[in-house]
Amino acid sequence: MAKAETKTAIVADGLRYKAKASGSPFRASASFSGATMSCFLCGKHRVRSQMRTRQFLGKSQTVCAPSCKALEEAEAAEAASE
């Protein structure tokens, strides 16, 4: 999935990204359950329902559940069926 090339230039007032679309690539959510978090292992953002916590170096970290590979394969299969 390639993103469109964004042209940037520093304008006279020092601001950049004149052509960049505003906003976040992550959906806004009013409820706590719809928020996304990044996986400690793979770094991908997923909804909290697809995450679990595991102990790493004595701290609880959120990771993909059941595994990063299993979720990746499920997403690929879903994309192929569309």
Protein backbone atom coordinates (compact mmCIF):
# COMPACT_ATOMS: atom_id res chain seq x y z
CA MET A 1 0.00 0.00 0.00
CA ALA A 2 1.93 3.04 -1.24
CA LYS A 3 1.15 6.52 -0.05
CA ALA A 4 0.98 9.46 -2.40
CA GLU A 5 4.11 11.60 -2.43
CA THR A 6 3.51 14.79 -0.44
CA LYS A 7 5.27 17.90 -1.66
CA THR A 8 6.63 20.01 1.18
CA ALA A 9 8.24 23.41 1.25
CA ILE A 10 9.13 25.82 4.01
CA VAL A 11 7.06 28.97 3.55
CA ALA A 12 8.07 32.48 4.63
CA ASP A 13 6.50 32.16 8.11
CA GLY A 14 8.56 29.00 8.79
CA LEU A 15 5.71 26.49 8.58
CA ARG A 16 5.95 23.30 6.54
CA TYR A 17 3.44 20.91 5.09
CA LYS A 18 1.23 23.44 3.37
CA ALA A 19 -0.33 20.62 1.30
CA LYS A 20 -0.45 17.98 4.07
CA ALA A 21 -3.91 16.83 5.09
CA SER A 22 -4.73 17.60 8.69
CA GLY A 23 -5.78 14.99 11.18
CA SER A 24 -4.57 11.66 12.45
CA PRO A 25 -4.47 8.35 10.58
CA PHE A 26 -6.06 6.71 13.64
CA ARG A 27 -9.79 6.92 14.07
CA ALA A 28 -11.20 9.05 16.86
CA SER A 29 -13.16 7.20 19.46
CA ALA A 30 -15.38 8.45 22.23
CA SER A 31 -15.29 5.09 23.99
CA PHE A 32 -12.30 3.56 25.68
CA SER A 33 -12.80 0.20 23.95
CA GLY A 34 -12.38 1.63 20.42
CA ALA A 35 -8.97 3.19 21.07
CA THR A 36 -5.88 1.76 19.41
CA MET A 37 -2.56 0.84 20.93
CA SER A 38 0.70 -0.23 19.37
CA CYS A 39 2.04 -3.71 19.86
CA PHE A 40 5.30 -3.90 21.81
CA LEU A 41 6.62 -6.62 19.48
CA CYS A 42 5.53 -5.65 15.94
CA GLY A 43 4.66 -1.96 16.45
CA LYS A 44 1.35 -2.10 14.56
CA HIS A 45 -1.67 -0.26 15.91
CA ARG A 46 -4.60 -2.47 16.79
CA VAL A 47 -7.84 -2.03 18.72
CA ARG A 48 -7.68 -3.03 22.36
CA SER A 49 -9.88 -6.08 21.79
CA GLN A 50 -7.05 -7.59 19.68
CA MET A 51 -4.41 -6.98 22.37
CA ARG A 52 -3.31 -8.66 25.58
CA THR A 53 -0.60 -7.95 28.15
CA ARG A 54 2.62 -9.90 28.61
CA GLN A 55 5.54 -9.44 30.96
CA PHE A 56 8.71 -8.14 29.30
CA LEU A 57 11.71 -7.19 31.42
CA GLY A 58 9.57 -6.98 34.52
CA LYS A 59 6.92 -4.68 33.00
CA SER A 60 3.52 -5.42 31.50
CA GLN A 61 3.47 -4.59 27.77
CA THR A 62 0.58 -4.84 25.31
CA VAL A 63 1.06 -7.29 22.44
CA CYS A 64 -1.11 -8.78 19.70
CA ALA A 65 -3.33 -11.66 20.77
CA PRO A 66 -2.99 -14.54 20.08
CA SER A 67 0.18 -13.55 18.15
CA CYS A 68 1.38 -10.92 15.70
CA LYS A 69 1.72 -13.51 12.93
CA ALA A 70 -1.81 -14.89 13.44
CA LEU A 71 -3.38 -11.42 13.24
CA GLU A 72 -1.30 -10.57 10.17
CA GLU A 73 -2.52 -13.73 8.40
CA ALA A 74 -6.14 -13.02 9.39
CA GLU A 75 -5.90 -9.47 7.96
CA ALA A 76 -4.33 -10.81 4.74
CA ALA A 77 -7.11 -13.38 4.36
CA GLU A 78 -9.77 -10.73 4.96
CA ALA A 79 -8.19 -8.38 2.41
CA ALA A 80 -8.00 -11.18 -0.17
CA SER A 81 -11.66 -12.04 0.23
CA GLU A 82 -12.78 -8.46 -0.51
